[in-house]
Protein backbone atom coordinates (compact mmCIF):
# COMPACT_ATOMS: atom_id res chain seq x y z
CA UNK A 1 59.28 -107.82 -55.09
CA UNK A 2 62.26 -105.75 -54.22
CA UNK A 3 61.77 -102.57 -51.70
CA UNK A 4 64.24 -100.22 -53.86
CA UNK A 5 64.35 -99.45 -57.25
CA UNK A 6 67.50 -97.83 -58.21
CA UNK A 7 67.38 -95.21 -60.61
CA UNK A 8 70.51 -94.77 -62.95
CA UNK A 9 70.83 -92.70 -66.19
CA UNK A 10 74.00 -93.63 -67.77
CA UNK A 11 75.65 -91.71 -70.46
CA UNK A 12 78.95 -92.13 -71.53
CA UNK A 13 80.27 -93.47 -68.43
CA UNK A 14 81.70 -96.74 -70.04
CA UNK A 15 85.14 -96.79 -67.93
CA UNK A 16 83.30 -95.96 -64.65
CA UNK A 17 80.15 -98.12 -64.87
CA UNK A 18 81.44 -101.14 -63.71
CA UNK A 19 82.96 -99.84 -60.45
CA UNK A 20 79.47 -98.05 -59.86
CA UNK A 21 77.51 -101.00 -60.48
CA UNK A 22 79.79 -103.11 -58.31
CA UNK A 23 79.44 -100.76 -55.19
CA UNK A 24 75.76 -101.57 -55.39
CA UNK A 25 76.28 -105.34 -55.63
CA UNK A 26 78.63 -104.56 -52.45
CA UNK A 27 75.95 -103.27 -50.51
CA UNK A 28 74.92 -104.77 -47.08
CA UNK A 29 71.23 -104.32 -48.17
CA UNK A 30 70.47 -106.19 -51.18
CA UNK A 31 66.55 -106.14 -51.98
CA UNK A 32 66.75 -103.92 -54.86
CA UNK A 33 66.43 -103.66 -58.53
CA UNK A 34 68.57 -101.74 -60.66
CA UNK A 35 67.00 -99.72 -63.65
CA UNK A 36 69.44 -98.86 -66.13
CA UNK A 37 68.44 -96.10 -68.97
CA UNK A 38 71.24 -95.32 -71.44
CA UNK A 39 70.64 -91.49 -72.74
CA UNK A 40 72.10 -91.95 -76.38
CA UNK A 41 75.77 -93.01 -75.21
CA UNK A 42 78.25 -93.17 -78.31
CA UNK A 43 80.47 -95.18 -76.36
CA UNK A 44 80.03 -98.77 -75.08
CA UNK A 45 78.25 -97.83 -72.28
CA UNK A 46 75.12 -99.72 -73.38
CA UNK A 47 77.21 -102.95 -73.75
CA UNK A 48 78.49 -102.92 -70.44
CA UNK A 49 75.27 -102.18 -69.11
CA UNK A 50 73.76 -105.34 -71.03
CA UNK A 51 76.78 -107.58 -70.04
CA UNK A 52 75.67 -107.01 -66.24
CA UNK A 53 71.93 -107.42 -67.18
CA UNK A 54 72.67 -110.59 -68.61
CA UNK A 55 74.54 -111.59 -65.22
CA UNK A 56 72.10 -110.38 -62.95
CA UNK A 57 68.33 -110.55 -62.95
CA UNK A 58 67.49 -107.47 -60.59
CA UNK A 59 68.41 -105.23 -63.76
CA UNK A 60 66.01 -103.46 -66.14
CA UNK A 61 67.72 -101.88 -68.71
CA UNK A 62 66.26 -99.55 -71.36
CA UNK A 63 67.42 -96.48 -73.85
CA UNK A 64 66.51 -93.43 -74.97
CA UNK A 65 66.06 -93.18 -78.94
CA UNK A 66 68.44 -90.14 -78.75
CA UNK A 67 70.31 -88.08 -75.93
CA UNK A 68 67.39 -86.57 -73.99
CA UNK A 69 68.84 -85.16 -70.82
CA UNK A 70 69.04 -86.51 -67.04
CA UNK A 71 65.37 -85.27 -66.49
CA UNK A 72 63.63 -87.25 -69.30
CA UNK A 73 66.21 -90.25 -68.25
CA UNK A 74 65.02 -90.50 -65.11
CA UNK A 75 61.13 -90.11 -65.84
CA UNK A 76 61.98 -93.18 -68.15
CA UNK A 77 63.43 -94.92 -65.18
CA UNK A 78 60.33 -94.20 -63.14
CA UNK A 79 58.05 -96.12 -65.89
CA UNK A 80 59.67 -99.15 -64.54
CA UNK A 81 59.93 -98.39 -60.56
CA UNK A 82 57.30 -100.92 -58.66
CA UNK A 83 59.09 -100.37 -55.49
CA UNK A 84 58.09 -98.11 -52.31
CA UNK A 85 61.68 -96.51 -52.41
CA UNK A 86 63.50 -95.04 -55.15
CA UNK A 87 67.37 -94.18 -54.96
CA UNK A 88 69.30 -92.34 -57.31
CA UNK A 89 72.65 -93.27 -58.34
CA UNK A 90 74.86 -92.04 -61.09
CA UNK A 91 77.21 -94.29 -63.59
CA UNK A 92 80.68 -92.55 -62.75
CA UNK A 93 80.13 -92.57 -58.77
CA UNK A 94 80.67 -95.13 -55.70
CA UNK A 95 77.96 -96.07 -53.29
CA UNK A 96 79.40 -96.93 -49.69
CA UNK A 97 78.68 -100.74 -48.50
CA UNK A 98 76.06 -99.30 -45.86
CA UNK A 99 74.06 -96.62 -47.77
CA UNK A 100 71.20 -98.52 -48.58
CA UNK A 101 70.79 -100.17 -45.21
CA UNK A 102 71.27 -96.88 -43.23
CA UNK A 103 68.65 -94.96 -45.75
CA UNK A 104 66.54 -97.67 -45.66
CA UNK A 105 66.23 -98.05 -41.84
CA UNK A 106 65.83 -94.27 -41.64
CA UNK A 107 62.83 -94.04 -43.66
CA UNK A 108 61.44 -97.21 -42.44
CA UNK A 109 61.58 -95.75 -38.59
CA UNK A 110 60.99 -92.34 -39.69
CA UNK A 111 57.77 -92.18 -41.64
CA UNK A 112 57.26 -88.27 -41.54
CA UNK A 113 59.99 -87.97 -43.96
CA UNK A 114 59.66 -88.77 -47.81
CA UNK A 115 63.70 -88.13 -48.72
CA UNK A 116 66.44 -88.93 -46.65
CA UNK A 117 70.25 -88.00 -48.44
CA UNK A 118 73.78 -87.90 -47.19
CA UNK A 119 76.84 -85.87 -47.52
CA UNK A 120 79.09 -87.00 -50.47
CA UNK A 121 82.97 -87.26 -50.62
CA UNK A 122 84.05 -85.75 -53.72
CA UNK A 123 87.12 -87.61 -55.51
CA UNK A 124 89.32 -87.78 -58.70
CA UNK A 125 92.40 -89.75 -59.73
CA UNK A 126 94.27 -88.50 -56.94
CA UNK A 127 91.87 -89.62 -54.02
CA UNK A 128 89.33 -87.35 -52.00
CA UNK A 129 89.62 -83.65 -51.88
CA UNK A 130 86.88 -82.48 -50.06
CA UNK A 131 83.85 -84.04 -48.12
CA UNK A 132 80.54 -82.24 -47.60
CA UNK A 133 78.58 -81.88 -44.36
CA UNK A 134 74.98 -81.82 -43.90
CA UNK A 135 72.48 -82.48 -40.96
CA UNK A 136 68.79 -81.96 -40.02
CA UNK A 137 65.78 -81.26 -41.95
CA UNK A 138 66.14 -78.43 -44.05
CA UNK A 139 63.27 -75.81 -43.73
CA UNK A 140 61.59 -73.52 -46.89
CA UNK A 141 64.21 -70.68 -46.40
CA UNK A 142 66.90 -72.97 -46.79
CA UNK A 143 65.86 -73.68 -50.08
CA UNK A 144 66.68 -70.06 -51.42
CA UNK A 145 70.79 -70.75 -50.69
CA UNK A 146 70.73 -74.02 -52.99
CA UNK A 147 69.53 -77.27 -53.39
CA UNK A 148 68.69 -78.58 -49.94
CA UNK A 149 69.70 -82.50 -50.56
CA UNK A 150 72.41 -83.91 -52.50
CA UNK A 151 70.67 -85.54 -55.53
CA UNK A 152 72.74 -88.82 -56.35
CA UNK A 153 72.62 -90.41 -52.70
CA UNK A 154 69.35 -89.92 -52.00
CA UNK A 155 66.42 -92.38 -51.21
CA UNK A 156 62.78 -91.15 -51.56
CA UNK A 157 59.04 -92.60 -50.98
CA UNK A 158 57.76 -93.42 -54.56
CA UNK A 159 54.60 -91.72 -53.55
CA UNK A 160 56.57 -88.63 -53.20
CA UNK A 161 57.68 -88.87 -56.90
CA UNK A 162 53.96 -89.71 -57.98
CA UNK A 163 52.48 -87.01 -56.13
CA UNK A 164 55.13 -84.35 -58.28
CA UNK A 165 54.76 -86.45 -61.54
CA UNK A 166 58.43 -86.97 -61.47
CA UNK A 167 60.93 -84.64 -62.72
CA UNK A 168 59.67 -81.57 -64.75
CA UNK A 169 61.34 -81.89 -68.25
CA UNK A 170 62.37 -78.51 -69.49
CA UNK A 171 65.27 -76.75 -70.91
CA UNK A 172 64.86 -74.15 -68.15
CA UNK A 173 65.46 -77.20 -65.47
CA UNK A 174 68.63 -78.89 -67.23
CA UNK A 175 71.35 -79.58 -64.75
CA UNK A 176 68.93 -78.17 -61.93
CA UNK A 177 66.12 -81.06 -61.99
CA UNK A 178 67.02 -82.17 -58.50
CA UNK A 179 66.48 -78.70 -57.04
CA UNK A 180 63.44 -78.19 -59.05
CA UNK A 181 62.04 -81.78 -57.77
CA UNK A 182 62.63 -80.93 -53.83
CA UNK A 183 60.85 -77.55 -54.68
CA UNK A 184 58.12 -79.57 -55.96
CA UNK A 185 57.88 -81.83 -53.05
CA UNK A 186 58.14 -79.49 -50.31
CA UNK A 187 55.10 -77.34 -52.05
CA UNK A 188 52.99 -80.80 -51.78
CA UNK A 189 53.93 -81.08 -48.11
CA UNK A 190 56.84 -83.79 -48.25
CA UNK A 191 59.84 -83.16 -46.11
CA UNK A 192 63.07 -84.50 -46.15
CA UNK A 193 66.43 -85.16 -43.85
CA UNK A 194 69.99 -84.96 -44.26
CA UNK A 195 71.67 -87.99 -42.18
CA UNK A 196 75.63 -86.26 -41.55
CA UNK A 197 77.54 -89.31 -42.69
CA UNK A 198 79.12 -89.13 -45.89
CA UNK A 199 77.95 -92.62 -47.64
CA UNK A 200 78.40 -91.95 -51.44
CA UNK A 201 81.83 -90.99 -53.03
CA UNK A 202 81.17 -88.55 -56.16
CA UNK A 203 83.71 -88.56 -58.93
CA UNK A 204 84.17 -84.74 -59.33
CA UNK A 205 86.84 -82.22 -61.25
CA UNK A 206 88.49 -79.97 -58.95
CA UNK A 207 88.27 -77.39 -61.39
CA UNK A 208 84.48 -77.65 -62.33
CA UNK A 209 85.04 -74.95 -64.60
CA UNK A 210 83.73 -76.88 -67.62
CA UNK A 211 80.42 -76.87 -65.81
CA UNK A 212 79.83 -73.36 -65.62
CA UNK A 213 78.00 -72.29 -68.64
CA UNK A 214 75.49 -69.40 -68.48
CA UNK A 215 72.82 -71.26 -69.45
CA UNK A 216 73.25 -73.67 -66.26
CA UNK A 217 73.45 -70.48 -64.07
CA UNK A 218 70.43 -68.97 -65.66
CA UNK A 219 68.45 -72.27 -64.85
CA UNK A 220 69.40 -72.38 -60.95
CA UNK A 221 68.29 -68.28 -60.67
CA UNK A 222 65.12 -69.60 -62.53
CA UNK A 223 64.40 -72.09 -59.73
CA UNK A 224 65.21 -69.88 -57.05
CA UNK A 225 62.91 -67.34 -58.06
CA UNK A 226 60.19 -70.27 -58.12
CA UNK A 227 61.25 -70.93 -54.32
CA UNK A 228 61.05 -67.35 -53.16
CA UNK A 229 57.81 -66.52 -55.04
CA UNK A 230 56.19 -70.07 -54.01
CA UNK A 231 57.34 -69.86 -50.36
CA UNK A 232 56.58 -66.40 -49.85
CA UNK A 233 60.12 -65.86 -48.72
CA UNK A 234 60.91 -62.45 -47.11
CA UNK A 235 61.57 -59.66 -50.09
CA UNK A 236 65.28 -59.57 -49.33
CA UNK A 237 65.49 -63.17 -50.18
CA UNK A 238 65.41 -62.07 -53.73
CA UNK A 239 69.04 -61.46 -53.82
CA UNK A 240 69.93 -64.97 -53.99
CA UNK A 241 68.09 -65.52 -57.48
CA UNK A 242 70.98 -63.18 -59.06
CA UNK A 243 73.83 -64.71 -57.42
CA UNK A 244 74.05 -67.29 -59.90
CA UNK A 245 73.84 -64.81 -62.85
CA UNK A 246 76.81 -63.10 -61.14
CA UNK A 247 78.79 -65.99 -60.95
CA UNK A 248 78.24 -66.54 -64.49
CA UNK A 249 79.83 -63.25 -65.51
CA UNK A 250 82.79 -63.39 -63.24
CA UNK A 251 86.15 -63.83 -64.81
CA UNK A 252 86.99 -67.53 -65.24
CA UNK A 253 90.35 -66.42 -62.96
CA UNK A 254 88.23 -65.06 -60.03
CA UNK A 255 85.71 -68.36 -60.48
CA UNK A 256 88.85 -70.85 -60.23
CA UNK A 257 90.44 -68.95 -57.19
CA UNK A 258 87.13 -68.93 -55.18
CA UNK A 259 86.20 -72.36 -56.30
CA UNK A 260 89.77 -73.85 -55.66
CA UNK A 261 89.66 -72.03 -51.86
CA UNK A 262 86.18 -73.50 -51.25
CA UNK A 263 88.02 -77.00 -51.78
CA UNK A 264 91.26 -76.44 -49.73
């Protein structure tokens, strides 16, 4: 039996899916299975996934009856995960060759941790434009500032997923399903660690204005409030709960300037 299940929700990523899957088959650690769940794609994403499944016997391919969102889709993947560890991967990104080997060895040698993740390198058609940084074990107060772990490059013990019932499915958690997941795991006593070595490349948009919707910011504020309340954080940390809503109403020109300044 494989030791790692790779959870991949795929949606309209036909142009990038081959590169993403090829990066998995280029790993130095190959004892894994890939669980692909198509979330109602309208392009030929499913056909490409099927062609890979026909060539590789370690791929499980399933699909949703319609577009359901990432939280539901990853739970669908979890139904087929029968391994000790679960790793995430997106259909438009790239895992660097030593990612699984380093993350697996870390969890094997550090049983106190249930989550391990790494920073990401952000790239577009012009190349890498930003490299993230993260190091060490986040504490509960770190959560109020933002999600403490990068979701796509993470590897998590299956028992931690089972203890919290997987991803919570709610309109209030769309695009913050990972943030809420870490919150649930920490409430249950699980802990994680961030290796300060970028092992994952995320295909991103330098402008990223298209992801700045009021709904997404509202959902982020909702999770921050849960964190503030249930982690019993200081009263003045409540201000972090309002920050996403303020960003949501910030003029696009101002937000664009601040976003580009962060990447410069």
